[in-house]
N, C-alpha and C. Protein backbone atom coordinates (compact mmCIF):
# COMPACT_ATOMS: atom_id res chain seq x y z
N MET A 1 0.73 -1.37 0.09
CA MET A 1 -0.09 0.04 0.01
C MET A 1 0.84 1.24 0.12
N ASN A 2 0.25 2.33 -0.27
CA ASN A 2 1.05 3.50 -0.62
C ASN A 2 1.18 4.32 0.63
N GLY A 3 0.51 4.00 1.95
CA GLY A 3 0.57 4.86 2.96
C GLY A 3 -0.34 5.84 3.09
N ARG A 4 -1.33 5.98 1.78
CA ARG A 4 -2.31 7.16 2.18
C ARG A 4 -3.85 6.31 1.95
N ASP A 5 -3.93 5.30 1.29
CA ASP A 5 -5.15 4.59 1.01
C ASP A 5 -5.22 3.32 2.02
N PHE A 6 -6.32 3.30 2.68
CA PHE A 6 -6.45 2.49 3.85
C PHE A 6 -7.58 1.31 3.75
N THR A 7 -7.59 0.29 4.30
CA THR A 7 -8.47 -0.64 4.40
C THR A 7 -9.67 -0.18 5.28
N ASN A 8 -10.75 -1.04 5.21
CA ASN A 8 -11.86 -0.50 6.18
C ASN A 8 -11.65 -0.38 7.71
N ASP A 9 -10.47 -0.83 8.11
CA ASP A 9 -10.25 -0.87 9.71
C ASP A 9 -9.16 0.09 9.71
N HIS A 10 -8.81 0.89 8.92
CA HIS A 10 -7.74 2.10 8.81
C HIS A 10 -6.24 1.59 8.94
N VAL A 11 -6.20 0.29 8.70
CA VAL A 11 -4.85 -0.27 8.54
C VAL A 11 -4.24 0.06 7.17
N THR A 12 -2.86 0.77 7.06
CA THR A 12 -2.30 1.11 6.07
C THR A 12 -1.77 -0.05 5.00
N TYR A 13 -2.16 -1.30 5.37
CA TYR A 13 -1.70 -2.38 4.59
C TYR A 13 -2.71 -3.13 4.26
N GLY A 14 -2.42 -4.12 3.41
CA GLY A 14 -3.65 -5.04 3.29
C GLY A 14 -3.13 -6.20 2.17
N PHE A 15 -3.81 -7.25 1.86
CA PHE A 15 -3.83 -8.16 0.78
C PHE A 15 -5.04 -8.24 -0.28
N PHE A 16 -4.47 -8.09 -1.56
CA PHE A 16 -5.44 -8.00 -2.38
C PHE A 16 -5.32 -9.17 -3.34
N ASP A 17 -6.31 -9.86 -3.66
CA ASP A 17 -6.08 -11.33 -4.25
C ASP A 17 -6.85 -10.87 -5.87
N ALA A 18 -6.03 -10.17 -6.68
CA ALA A 18 -6.63 -9.75 -7.79
C ALA A 18 -6.90 -11.03 -8.87
N PHE A 19 -7.78 -10.77 -9.73
CA PHE A 19 -8.16 -11.96 -10.55
C PHE A 19 -8.32 -11.28 -12.03
N VAL A 20 -7.39 -11.71 -12.91
CA VAL A 20 -7.17 -11.26 -14.23
C VAL A 20 -8.28 -11.92 -15.05
N LEU A 21 -9.12 -11.35 -15.87
CA LEU A 21 -10.02 -11.85 -16.73
C LEU A 21 -9.41 -11.91 -18.35
N SER A 22 -8.74 -10.66 -18.63
CA SER A 22 -8.17 -10.82 -19.98
C SER A 22 -7.03 -9.59 -20.01
N VAL A 23 -6.15 -9.69 -21.04
CA VAL A 23 -5.15 -8.90 -21.16
C VAL A 23 -5.25 -8.51 -22.71
N ASN A 24 -5.41 -7.03 -22.93
CA ASN A 24 -5.31 -6.53 -24.59
C ASN A 24 -4.43 -5.52 -24.75
N PRO A 25 -3.69 -5.37 -25.98
CA PRO A 25 -3.89 -6.34 -26.99
C PRO A 25 -3.47 -7.81 -26.84
N ARG A 26 -3.80 -8.78 -27.61
CA ARG A 26 -3.38 -10.00 -27.50
C ARG A 26 -2.05 -10.33 -28.09
N LEU A 27 -1.74 -9.47 -29.14
CA LEU A 27 -0.55 -9.64 -29.94
C LEU A 27 0.25 -8.25 -29.50
N ILE A 28 1.60 -8.41 -29.39
CA ILE A 28 2.55 -7.19 -28.94
C ILE A 28 3.75 -7.50 -29.78
N VAL A 29 4.63 -6.41 -29.73
CA VAL A 29 5.98 -6.38 -30.51
C VAL A 29 6.95 -6.87 -29.69
N GLN A 30 7.79 -7.66 -30.18
CA GLN A 30 8.90 -8.21 -29.37
C GLN A 30 9.86 -7.26 -28.53
N LYS A 31 9.91 -6.16 -29.04
CA LYS A 31 10.92 -5.04 -28.35
C LYS A 31 10.31 -4.41 -27.17
N GLY A 32 9.06 -4.68 -26.75
CA GLY A 32 8.36 -4.30 -25.74
C GLY A 32 7.77 -2.99 -25.79
N GLY A 33 7.11 -2.22 -24.90
CA GLY A 33 6.82 -0.85 -24.92
C GLY A 33 4.95 -0.66 -25.32
N THR A 34 4.46 -2.07 -25.64
CA THR A 34 2.98 -1.88 -26.11
C THR A 34 2.15 -1.89 -24.57
N LYS A 35 1.41 -0.85 -24.62
CA LYS A 35 0.51 -0.59 -23.58
C LYS A 35 -0.72 -1.60 -23.56
N LEU A 36 -0.58 -2.18 -22.21
CA LEU A 36 -1.32 -3.43 -22.12
C LEU A 36 -2.75 -2.97 -21.17
N TYR A 37 -3.80 -3.26 -21.33
CA TYR A 37 -4.96 -2.95 -20.46
C TYR A 37 -5.36 -4.43 -19.91
N ILE A 38 -5.34 -4.37 -18.60
CA ILE A 38 -5.58 -5.67 -17.93
C ILE A 38 -7.00 -5.47 -17.23
N ARG A 39 -7.74 -6.44 -17.55
CA ARG A 39 -9.35 -6.27 -17.18
C ARG A 39 -9.46 -7.49 -16.17
N GLY A 40 -10.11 -7.15 -15.14
CA GLY A 40 -10.52 -8.17 -14.09
C GLY A 40 -11.08 -7.50 -12.87
N PHE A 41 -10.84 -8.13 -11.54
CA PHE A 41 -11.38 -7.56 -10.42
C PHE A 41 -10.28 -7.73 -9.22
N GLY A 42 -10.60 -6.90 -8.12
CA GLY A 42 -9.69 -7.22 -6.95
C GLY A 42 -8.45 -6.34 -7.19
N PHE A 43 -8.15 -5.26 -8.16
CA PHE A 43 -7.35 -4.45 -8.30
C PHE A 43 -7.13 -3.29 -7.08
N VAL A 44 -5.85 -3.09 -6.80
CA VAL A 44 -5.68 -1.99 -5.76
C VAL A 44 -6.19 -0.61 -6.26
N ASN A 45 -7.11 0.02 -5.52
CA ASN A 45 -7.32 1.52 -5.94
C ASN A 45 -6.54 2.41 -5.50
N SER A 46 -5.58 2.75 -6.13
CA SER A 46 -4.44 3.77 -5.46
C SER A 46 -3.93 4.74 -6.91
N THR A 47 -3.47 5.73 -6.30
CA THR A 47 -3.04 6.78 -7.25
C THR A 47 -1.34 6.81 -7.02
N SER A 48 -0.96 5.78 -6.47
CA SER A 48 0.52 5.67 -5.95
C SER A 48 1.24 5.26 -7.44
N ASP A 49 2.52 6.06 -7.27
CA ASP A 49 3.50 5.79 -8.42
C ASP A 49 4.23 4.14 -8.24
N GLU A 50 3.97 3.53 -7.04
CA GLU A 50 4.60 2.49 -6.67
C GLU A 50 3.90 1.13 -7.11
N LEU A 51 2.73 1.23 -7.76
CA LEU A 51 2.11 0.18 -8.50
C LEU A 51 2.83 -0.54 -9.45
N ILE A 52 3.24 -1.97 -9.42
CA ILE A 52 3.90 -2.67 -10.54
C ILE A 52 3.04 -3.82 -10.99
N GLY A 53 3.25 -3.94 -12.21
CA GLY A 53 2.86 -5.17 -12.97
C GLY A 53 3.92 -6.26 -12.95
N LYS A 54 3.63 -7.56 -12.54
CA LYS A 54 4.52 -8.52 -12.44
C LYS A 54 4.15 -9.62 -13.39
N PHE A 55 5.17 -10.13 -14.18
CA PHE A 55 4.87 -10.92 -15.28
C PHE A 55 5.14 -12.44 -14.79
N SER A 56 4.29 -13.23 -15.48
CA SER A 56 4.62 -14.73 -15.10
C SER A 56 3.83 -15.59 -16.14
N ASN A 57 4.13 -16.95 -16.05
CA ASN A 57 3.60 -17.92 -17.25
C ASN A 57 3.11 -19.06 -16.21
N ILE A 58 1.96 -19.46 -16.84
CA ILE A 58 1.17 -20.68 -16.15
C ILE A 58 2.09 -21.71 -15.87
N GLU A 59 2.69 -22.17 -17.00
CA GLU A 59 3.48 -23.39 -16.79
C GLU A 59 4.91 -23.15 -16.29
N ARG A 60 5.50 -21.83 -16.34
CA ARG A 60 6.85 -21.83 -15.95
C ARG A 60 6.72 -20.92 -14.56
N GLY A 61 5.76 -20.38 -14.13
CA GLY A 61 5.77 -19.53 -12.98
C GLY A 61 6.34 -18.17 -13.26
N GLU A 62 6.64 -17.44 -12.31
CA GLU A 62 7.14 -16.08 -12.42
C GLU A 62 8.26 -15.94 -13.29
N LEU A 63 8.18 -14.96 -14.25
CA LEU A 63 9.44 -14.86 -15.20
C LEU A 63 10.34 -13.98 -14.53
N THR A 64 11.76 -14.13 -14.85
CA THR A 64 12.69 -13.34 -14.42
C THR A 64 13.51 -12.58 -15.57
N CYS A 65 13.71 -11.11 -15.32
CA CYS A 65 14.43 -10.65 -16.45
C CYS A 65 15.82 -10.90 -16.57
N ASP A 66 16.68 -11.22 -15.24
CA ASP A 66 18.14 -11.34 -15.29
C ASP A 66 18.53 -12.67 -14.67
N GLY A 67 17.44 -13.83 -14.57
CA GLY A 67 17.70 -14.88 -13.83
C GLY A 67 17.35 -14.79 -12.49
N LYS A 68 17.23 -13.63 -11.75
CA LYS A 68 17.28 -13.70 -10.38
C LYS A 68 15.97 -12.69 -10.12
N LYS A 69 15.90 -11.50 -10.45
CA LYS A 69 14.64 -10.72 -10.11
C LYS A 69 13.46 -10.85 -10.95
N PRO A 70 12.31 -10.85 -10.44
CA PRO A 70 11.15 -10.98 -11.31
C PRO A 70 11.04 -9.72 -12.22
N CYS A 71 10.31 -9.99 -13.37
CA CYS A 71 10.30 -9.23 -14.54
C CYS A 71 8.83 -8.25 -13.85
N THR A 72 9.14 -6.97 -13.70
CA THR A 72 8.22 -6.07 -13.35
C THR A 72 8.29 -4.69 -14.28
N ALA A 73 7.04 -4.06 -14.29
CA ALA A 73 6.71 -2.85 -14.97
C ALA A 73 5.90 -1.99 -14.18
N ALA A 74 6.11 -0.57 -14.11
CA ALA A 74 5.07 0.33 -13.76
C ALA A 74 3.65 0.13 -14.06
N ALA A 75 2.68 0.17 -13.10
CA ALA A 75 1.35 -0.08 -13.49
C ALA A 75 0.52 1.19 -13.22
N GLN A 76 -0.61 1.20 -13.53
CA GLN A 76 -1.56 2.25 -13.13
C GLN A 76 -2.92 1.92 -13.01
N TYR A 77 -3.76 2.20 -11.89
CA TYR A 77 -5.08 1.75 -11.77
C TYR A 77 -5.80 2.85 -12.57
N ILE A 78 -6.63 2.23 -13.50
CA ILE A 78 -7.74 3.08 -14.18
C ILE A 78 -8.89 3.07 -13.47
N ASP A 79 -9.55 1.91 -13.29
CA ASP A 79 -10.93 1.76 -12.62
C ASP A 79 -10.69 0.48 -11.91
N MET A 80 -12.19 0.14 -11.32
CA MET A 80 -12.06 -1.25 -10.50
C MET A 80 -11.86 -2.46 -11.38
N HIS A 81 -12.08 -2.14 -12.65
CA HIS A 81 -11.77 -3.32 -13.35
C HIS A 81 -10.70 -3.45 -14.42
N THR A 82 -10.01 -2.19 -14.27
CA THR A 82 -8.80 -2.05 -15.44
C THR A 82 -7.64 -1.48 -14.75
N MET A 83 -6.52 -2.15 -15.26
CA MET A 83 -5.25 -1.52 -14.88
C MET A 83 -4.50 -1.48 -16.23
N THR A 84 -3.39 -0.90 -16.25
CA THR A 84 -2.72 -0.53 -17.55
C THR A 84 -1.23 -0.72 -17.06
N THR A 85 -0.44 -1.49 -17.96
CA THR A 85 1.01 -1.36 -17.68
C THR A 85 1.66 -1.58 -19.11
N THR A 86 3.02 -1.58 -19.25
CA THR A 86 3.65 -1.77 -20.66
C THR A 86 4.39 -3.00 -20.68
N SER A 87 4.42 -3.58 -21.87
CA SER A 87 5.04 -4.93 -21.98
C SER A 87 6.69 -4.69 -22.18
N LEU A 88 7.26 -5.71 -21.67
CA LEU A 88 8.62 -5.95 -21.64
C LEU A 88 9.42 -6.59 -22.87
N PRO A 89 10.61 -6.27 -23.14
CA PRO A 89 11.16 -6.85 -24.45
C PRO A 89 11.42 -8.38 -24.11
């Protein structure tokens, strides 16, 4: 959490179990930089610049960009059913 948004009991942290229904567009360029729209529910309602998108694969689990750290990109909350992030190369 970003220290400004609170749960209903005024605690500044919490767990959100987001569920993704779809990601568009379905085809992206290999070099990265495609704006992705993620539709689903359970997203964090935050204006924080600290939200990130984490990339993974159903069969292989969490993807790593350097063999150690998970692949992440800045994410933005649009509304209760939409987040946006940028694809990685």
